[in-house]
């Protein structure tokens, strides 16, 4: 990762924050982070593994590095500045870095070793933080996902019509068979029917 404003000294522009990243190389070549000719840089809560030099700075302006895990470097952890008091140099115990799984195992020294920078979610969108302090790196260990909304209650089932044992022909015309089933537009022969218009009568 190369950070450069294109201008030097006090002409450098802006504040650069490098927080909660994982920088990994299996080859121990190059630089993990190089900071050159910028006005302000803040590097915290990162895990940097496997470069020749982990962090290199040539800036003469404000530069803050702390709470990082720098491990497995080739020739030097840093160049151009002294490592922060809370930074460590221990194996971060990734789940499986070779296939790109940079989640932390439960024994990782990077767990609860970061500092609170005001973030509320990690790279995967999970809650930060779960222990006494945020973890270093991009993934909070044993992250707690937001509680899902409870499912909606099922729709009420309408009550079943009483079974009268008779079928009734209505004036609309519909036939309601015993048990509450409605049939419309069919010719149905039934034995006991009650016609309800102005009077009731039964047919055999």
C-alpha atoms as a PDB file:
ATOM      1  CA  UNK A   1       0.000   0.000   0.000  1.00  0.00           C
ATOM      2  CA  UNK A   2       1.589   3.243  -1.176  1.00  0.00           C
ATOM      3  CA  UNK A   3       0.406   6.611   0.211  1.00  0.00           C
ATOM      4  CA  UNK A   4       1.684   9.729  -1.509  1.00  0.00           C
ATOM      5  CA  UNK A   5       0.142  13.169  -1.960  1.00  0.00           C
ATOM      6  CA  UNK A   6       2.351  14.253  -4.823  1.00  0.00           C
ATOM      7  CA  UNK A   7       3.635  17.181  -2.761  1.00  0.00           C
ATOM      8  CA  UNK A   8       6.212  17.332  -0.027  1.00  0.00           C
ATOM      9  CA  UNK A   9       6.638  18.954   3.356  1.00  0.00           C
ATOM     10  CA  UNK A  10       3.901  21.200   4.691  1.00  0.00           C
ATOM     11  CA  UNK A  11       2.262  21.249   1.239  1.00  0.00           C
ATOM     12  CA  UNK A  12       1.000  17.687   1.713  1.00  0.00           C
ATOM     13  CA  UNK A  13      -2.784  17.439   1.604  1.00  0.00           C
ATOM     14  CA  UNK A  14      -5.249  15.928   4.071  1.00  0.00           C
ATOM     15  CA  UNK A  15      -5.265  13.248   6.713  1.00  0.00           C
ATOM     16  CA  UNK A  16      -4.800   9.625   5.715  1.00  0.00           C
ATOM     17  CA  UNK A  17      -6.283   6.940   7.951  1.00  0.00           C
ATOM     18  CA  UNK A  18      -5.299   3.300   7.543  1.00  0.00           C
ATOM     19  CA  UNK A  19      -7.427   1.368  10.014  1.00  0.00           C
ATOM     20  CA  UNK A  20      -8.370  -2.284  10.516  1.00  0.00           C
ATOM     21  CA  UNK A  21      -6.814  -3.769   7.403  1.00  0.00           C
ATOM     22  CA  UNK A  22      -5.100  -7.074   6.694  1.00  0.00           C
ATOM     23  CA  UNK A  23      -2.015  -6.849   4.483  1.00  0.00           C
ATOM     24  CA  UNK A  24      -0.591 -10.268   3.714  1.00  0.00           C
ATOM     25  CA  UNK A  25       2.231 -11.613   1.551  1.00  0.00           C
ATOM     26  CA  UNK A  26       3.712 -15.094   1.536  1.00  0.00           C
ATOM     27  CA  UNK A  27       6.848 -13.945  -0.345  1.00  0.00           C
ATOM     28  CA  UNK A  28       8.524 -11.539   2.143  1.00  0.00           C
ATOM     29  CA  UNK A  29       9.136  -8.966  -0.563  1.00  0.00           C
ATOM     30  CA  UNK A  30       8.266  -5.287  -0.919  1.00  0.00           C
ATOM     31  CA  UNK A  31       6.627  -3.007   1.626  1.00  0.00           C
ATOM     32  CA  UNK A  32       3.346  -3.546   3.426  1.00  0.00           C
ATOM     33  CA  UNK A  33       2.703   0.214   3.784  1.00  0.00           C
ATOM     34  CA  UNK A  34       4.859   3.011   2.417  1.00  0.00           C
ATOM     35  CA  UNK A  35       4.076   6.579   3.485  1.00  0.00           C
ATOM     36  CA  UNK A  36       5.818   9.352   1.567  1.00  0.00           C
ATOM     37  CA  UNK A  37       5.534  13.145   1.651  1.00  0.00           C
ATOM     38  CA  UNK A  38       2.129  13.530   3.238  1.00  0.00           C
ATOM     39  CA  UNK A  39       0.827  15.944   5.852  1.00  0.00           C
ATOM     40  CA  UNK A  40      -0.808  13.498   8.275  1.00  0.00           C
ATOM     41  CA  UNK A  41      -1.105   9.714   8.538  1.00  0.00           C
ATOM     42  CA  UNK A  42      -2.784   7.544  11.161  1.00  0.00           C
ATOM     43  CA  UNK A  43      -2.080   3.786  11.007  1.00  0.00           C
ATOM     44  CA  UNK A  44      -3.855   1.666  13.609  1.00  0.00           C
ATOM     45  CA  UNK A  45      -5.482  -1.749  14.172  1.00  0.00           C
ATOM     46  CA  UNK A  46      -3.873  -3.334  11.108  1.00  0.00           C
ATOM     47  CA  UNK A  47      -2.333  -6.788  10.706  1.00  0.00           C
ATOM     48  CA  UNK A  48       0.674  -6.776   8.365  1.00  0.00           C
ATOM     49  CA  UNK A  49       2.252 -10.141   7.597  1.00  0.00           C
ATOM     50  CA  UNK A  50       5.014 -11.393   5.346  1.00  0.00           C
ATOM     51  CA  UNK A  51       6.618  -8.355   3.676  1.00  0.00           C
ATOM     52  CA  UNK A  52      10.308  -7.474   3.523  1.00  0.00           C
ATOM     53  CA  UNK A  53       9.571  -4.235   5.407  1.00  0.00           C
ATOM     54  CA  UNK A  54       6.177  -3.893   6.992  1.00  0.00           C
ATOM     55  CA  UNK A  55       5.824  -0.088   7.298  1.00  0.00           C
ATOM     56  CA  UNK A  56       8.149   2.463   5.702  1.00  0.00           C
ATOM     57  CA  UNK A  57       7.800   6.212   6.267  1.00  0.00           C
ATOM     58  CA  UNK A  58       9.749   9.045   4.677  1.00  0.00           C
ATOM     59  CA  UNK A  59       7.379  11.803   5.761  1.00  0.00           C
ATOM     60  CA  UNK A  60       8.573  14.515   8.140  1.00  0.00           C
ATOM     61  CA  UNK A  61       5.056  15.604   9.090  1.00  0.00           C
ATOM     62  CA  UNK A  62       2.571  14.176  11.598  1.00  0.00           C
ATOM     63  CA  UNK A  63       2.756  10.402  11.587  1.00  0.00           C
ATOM     64  CA  UNK A  64       0.984   8.089  14.037  1.00  0.00           C
ATOM     65  CA  UNK A  65       1.463   4.326  14.122  1.00  0.00           C
ATOM     66  CA  UNK A  66       0.232   2.126  16.978  1.00  0.00           C
ATOM     67  CA  UNK A  67      -1.930  -0.917  17.814  1.00  0.00           C
ATOM     68  CA  UNK A  68      -0.747  -2.909  14.786  1.00  0.00           C
ATOM     69  CA  UNK A  69       0.386  -6.531  14.556  1.00  0.00           C
ATOM     70  CA  UNK A  70       3.511  -6.731  12.390  1.00  0.00           C
ATOM     71  CA  UNK A  71       4.706 -10.280  11.842  1.00  0.00           C
ATOM     72  CA  UNK A  72       6.817 -12.432   9.526  1.00  0.00           C
ATOM     73  CA  UNK A  73       8.748  -9.598   7.884  1.00  0.00           C
ATOM     74  CA  UNK A  74      11.998 -10.097   6.012  1.00  0.00           C
ATOM     75  CA  UNK A  75      14.526  -7.404   6.933  1.00  0.00           C
ATOM     76  CA  UNK A  76      12.663  -4.929   9.181  1.00  0.00           C
ATOM     77  CA  UNK A  77       9.327  -4.306  10.854  1.00  0.00           C
ATOM     78  CA  UNK A  78       9.591  -0.562  10.273  1.00  0.00           C
ATOM     79  CA  UNK A  79      11.816   1.959   8.568  1.00  0.00           C
ATOM     80  CA  UNK A  80      11.987   5.680   9.322  1.00  0.00           C
ATOM     81  CA  UNK A  81      10.189   5.604  12.675  1.00  0.00           C
ATOM     82  CA  UNK A  82       9.899   3.639  15.908  1.00  0.00           C
ATOM     83  CA  UNK A  83       7.114   1.098  16.387  1.00  0.00           C
ATOM     84  CA  UNK A  84       4.201   2.259  18.581  1.00  0.00           C
ATOM     85  CA  UNK A  85       4.093   1.215  22.217  1.00  0.00           C
ATOM     86  CA  UNK A  86       0.982  -0.944  21.748  1.00  0.00           C
ATOM     87  CA  UNK A  87       1.967  -2.620  18.487  1.00  0.00           C
ATOM     88  CA  UNK A  88       2.916  -6.309  18.633  1.00  0.00           C
ATOM     89  CA  UNK A  89       4.915  -8.742  16.536  1.00  0.00           C
ATOM     90  CA  UNK A  90       3.094 -12.044  17.003  1.00  0.00           C
ATOM     91  CA  UNK A  91       1.540 -14.618  14.707  1.00  0.00           C
ATOM     92  CA  UNK A  92      -2.049 -13.378  14.275  1.00  0.00           C
ATOM     93  CA  UNK A  93      -3.357 -16.941  13.927  1.00  0.00           C
ATOM     94  CA  UNK A  94      -5.488 -16.500  10.823  1.00  0.00           C
ATOM     95  CA  UNK A  95      -8.018 -19.239  10.138  1.00  0.00           C
ATOM     96  CA  UNK A  96      -6.454 -20.064   6.762  1.00  0.00           C
ATOM     97  CA  UNK A  97      -4.427 -17.286   5.132  1.00  0.00           C
ATOM     98  CA  UNK A  98      -3.407 -19.464   2.173  1.00  0.00           C
ATOM     99  CA  UNK A  99      -6.975 -19.478   0.867  1.00  0.00           C
ATOM    100  CA  UNK A 100      -7.719 -15.903   1.927  1.00  0.00           C
ATOM    101  CA  UNK A 101      -9.565 -16.618   5.177  1.00  0.00           C
ATOM    102  CA  UNK A 102      -8.227 -13.896   7.490  1.00  0.00           C
ATOM    103  CA  UNK A 103     -10.694 -14.416  10.323  1.00  0.00           C
ATOM    104  CA  UNK A 104      -8.945 -14.799  13.672  1.00  0.00           C
ATOM    105  CA  UNK A 105      -8.768 -18.065  15.563  1.00  0.00           C
ATOM    106  CA  UNK A 106      -9.775 -18.037  19.220  1.00  0.00           C
ATOM    107  CA  UNK A 107      -6.130 -18.056  20.405  1.00  0.00           C
ATOM    108  CA  UNK A 108      -5.080 -15.069  18.255  1.00  0.00           C
ATOM    109  CA  UNK A 109      -3.088 -12.376  20.122  1.00  0.00           C
ATOM    110  CA  UNK A 110      -4.785  -9.789  17.894  1.00  0.00           C
ATOM    111  CA  UNK A 111      -8.133 -10.316  19.649  1.00  0.00           C
ATOM    112  CA  UNK A 112      -9.006  -7.344  21.899  1.00  0.00           C
ATOM    113  CA  UNK A 113      -5.560  -5.871  21.113  1.00  0.00           C
ATOM    114  CA  UNK A 114      -6.731  -2.895  19.050  1.00  0.00           C
ATOM    115  CA  UNK A 115      -8.037   0.480  20.084  1.00  0.00           C
ATOM    116  CA  UNK A 116     -11.505   1.968  19.744  1.00  0.00           C
ATOM    117  CA  UNK A 117     -11.601   4.121  16.617  1.00  0.00           C
ATOM    118  CA  UNK A 118     -15.360   4.601  16.589  1.00  0.00           C
ATOM    119  CA  UNK A 119     -16.308   1.889  14.099  1.00  0.00           C
ATOM    120  CA  UNK A 120     -19.414  -0.198  14.794  1.00  0.00           C
ATOM    121  CA  UNK A 121     -19.097  -2.928  12.151  1.00  0.00           C
ATOM    122  CA  UNK A 122     -16.197  -4.893  10.694  1.00  0.00           C
ATOM    123  CA  UNK A 123     -15.370  -5.636   7.037  1.00  0.00           C
ATOM    124  CA  UNK A 124     -18.068  -8.319   6.918  1.00  0.00           C
ATOM    125  CA  UNK A 125     -20.689  -6.040   8.454  1.00  0.00           C
ATOM    126  CA  UNK A 126     -20.626  -7.708  11.861  1.00  0.00           C
ATOM    127  CA  UNK A 127     -20.821  -5.909  15.186  1.00  0.00           C
ATOM    128  CA  UNK A 128     -17.666  -4.301  16.651  1.00  0.00           C
ATOM    129  CA  UNK A 129     -16.587  -4.901  19.276  1.00  0.00           C
ATOM    130  CA  UNK A 130     -17.275  -8.030  21.340  1.00  0.00           C
ATOM    131  CA  UNK A 131     -14.557  -8.078  24.016  1.00  0.00           C
ATOM    132  CA  UNK A 132     -12.705  -5.510  26.073  1.00  0.00           C
ATOM    133  CA  UNK A 133     -11.445  -3.696  22.943  1.00  0.00           C
ATOM    134  CA  UNK A 134     -11.684  -4.014  19.149  1.00  0.00           C
ATOM    135  CA  UNK A 135      -9.591  -6.671  17.440  1.00  0.00           C
ATOM    136  CA  UNK A 136      -6.731  -5.879  15.101  1.00  0.00           C
ATOM    137  CA  UNK A 137      -7.399  -6.709  11.471  1.00  0.00           C
ATOM    138  CA  UNK A 138     -10.514  -6.605   9.325  1.00  0.00           C
ATOM    139  CA  UNK A 139     -12.671  -9.225  11.053  1.00  0.00           C
ATOM    140  CA  UNK A 140     -13.910  -9.119  14.621  1.00  0.00           C
ATOM    141  CA  UNK A 141     -13.596 -12.524  16.282  1.00  0.00           C
ATOM    142  CA  UNK A 142     -16.865 -14.279  17.167  1.00  0.00           C
ATOM    143  CA  UNK A 143     -18.735 -11.336  15.710  1.00  0.00           C
ATOM    144  CA  UNK A 144     -22.372 -11.130  16.729  1.00  0.00           C
ATOM    145  CA  UNK A 145     -24.691 -10.552  13.789  1.00  0.00           C
ATOM    146  CA  UNK A 146     -27.672  -8.241  14.307  1.00  0.00           C
ATOM    147  CA  UNK A 147     -30.702 -10.060  15.751  1.00  0.00           C
ATOM    148  CA  UNK A 148     -33.159 -10.735  12.904  1.00  0.00           C
ATOM    149  CA  UNK A 149     -36.706  -9.479  13.130  1.00  0.00           C
ATOM    150  CA  UNK A 150     -39.151 -12.152  14.372  1.00  0.00           C
ATOM    151  CA  UNK A 151     -41.327 -13.706  11.655  1.00  0.00           C
ATOM    152  CA  UNK A 152     -44.794 -12.321  11.146  1.00  0.00           C
ATOM    153  CA  UNK A 153     -47.570 -14.320  12.854  1.00  0.00           C
ATOM    154  CA  UNK A 154     -49.586 -16.597  10.567  1.00  0.00           C
ATOM    155  CA  UNK A 155     -52.821 -15.262   9.144  1.00  0.00           C
ATOM    156  CA  UNK A 156     -55.897 -16.313  11.146  1.00  0.00           C
ATOM    157  CA  UNK A 157     -57.876 -19.250   9.764  1.00  0.00           C
ATOM    158  CA  UNK A 158     -61.585 -18.394   9.248  1.00  0.00           C
ATOM    159  CA  UNK A 159     -63.984 -20.546  11.277  1.00  0.00           C
ATOM    160  CA  UNK A 160     -65.577 -23.475   9.534  1.00  0.00           C
ATOM    161  CA  UNK A 161     -69.273 -23.130   8.799  1.00  0.00           C
ATOM    162  CA  UNK A 162     -71.497 -25.423  10.864  1.00  0.00           C
ATOM    163  CA  UNK A 163     -72.580 -28.655   9.229  1.00  0.00           C
ATOM    164  CA  UNK A 164     -76.438 -28.508   9.059  1.00  0.00           C
ATOM    165  CA  UNK A 165     -76.951 -31.610   6.987  1.00  0.00           C
ATOM    166  CA  UNK A 166     -78.911 -29.566   4.411  1.00  0.00           C
ATOM    167  CA  UNK A 167     -78.048 -27.627   1.310  1.00  0.00           C
ATOM    168  CA  UNK A 168     -79.649 -24.217   0.774  1.00  0.00           C
ATOM    169  CA  UNK A 169     -80.293 -22.539  -2.580  1.00  0.00           C
ATOM    170  CA  UNK A 170     -79.872 -18.785  -2.241  1.00  0.00           C
ATOM    171  CA  UNK A 171     -81.332 -16.100  -4.447  1.00  0.00           C
ATOM    172  CA  UNK A 172     -77.934 -15.025  -5.873  1.00  0.00           C
ATOM    173  CA  UNK A 173     -77.929 -18.092  -7.130  1.00  0.00           C
ATOM    174  CA  UNK A 174     -75.345 -20.029  -5.147  1.00  0.00           C
ATOM    175  CA  UNK A 175     -75.527 -23.467  -3.664  1.00  0.00           C
ATOM    176  CA  UNK A 176     -74.054 -23.935  -0.224  1.00  0.00           C
ATOM    177  CA  UNK A 177     -73.413 -27.600   0.407  1.00  0.00           C
ATOM    178  CA  UNK A 178     -73.244 -29.148   3.827  1.00  0.00           C
ATOM    179  CA  UNK A 179     -69.942 -28.227   5.487  1.00  0.00           C
ATOM    180  CA  UNK A 180     -69.844 -24.657   4.151  1.00  0.00           C
ATOM    181  CA  UNK A 181     -68.500 -25.301   0.609  1.00  0.00           C
ATOM    182  CA  UNK A 182     -69.848 -22.783  -1.929  1.00  0.00           C
ATOM    183  CA  UNK A 183     -70.467 -23.796  -5.548  1.00  0.00           C
ATOM    184  CA  UNK A 184     -71.629 -21.229  -8.101  1.00  0.00           C
ATOM    185  CA  UNK A 185     -72.902 -21.756 -11.635  1.00  0.00           C
ATOM    186  CA  UNK A 186     -73.266 -25.544 -11.531  1.00  0.00           C
ATOM    187  CA  UNK A 187     -76.292 -27.750 -12.041  1.00  0.00           C
ATOM    188  CA  UNK A 188     -76.454 -29.906  -8.964  1.00  0.00           C
ATOM    189  CA  UNK A 189     -79.095 -32.493  -8.131  1.00  0.00           C
ATOM    190  CA  UNK A 190     -79.699 -32.718  -4.422  1.00  0.00           C
ATOM    191  CA  UNK A 191     -82.371 -34.489  -2.465  1.00  0.00           C
ATOM    192  CA  UNK A 192     -83.086 -32.050   0.364  1.00  0.00           C
ATOM    193  CA  UNK A 193     -83.071 -28.388  -0.618  1.00  0.00           C
ATOM    194  CA  UNK A 194     -84.689 -25.420   1.040  1.00  0.00           C
ATOM    195  CA  UNK A 195     -85.696 -22.522  -1.249  1.00  0.00           C
ATOM    196  CA  UNK A 196     -85.703 -19.217   0.554  1.00  0.00           C
ATOM    197  CA  UNK A 197     -87.464 -16.480  -1.354  1.00  0.00           C
ATOM    198  CA  UNK A 198     -90.730 -15.359   0.089  1.00  0.00           C
ATOM    199  CA  UNK A 199     -91.432 -18.764   1.638  1.00  0.00           C
ATOM    200  CA  UNK A 200     -89.692 -22.059   2.253  1.00  0.00           C
ATOM    201  CA  UNK A 201     -90.581 -25.364   0.650  1.00  0.00           C
ATOM    202  CA  UNK A 202     -88.963 -28.794   0.443  1.00  0.00           C
ATOM    203  CA  UNK A 203     -88.614 -31.146  -2.491  1.00  0.00           C
ATOM    204  CA  UNK A 204     -88.066 -34.841  -2.277  1.00  0.00           C
END
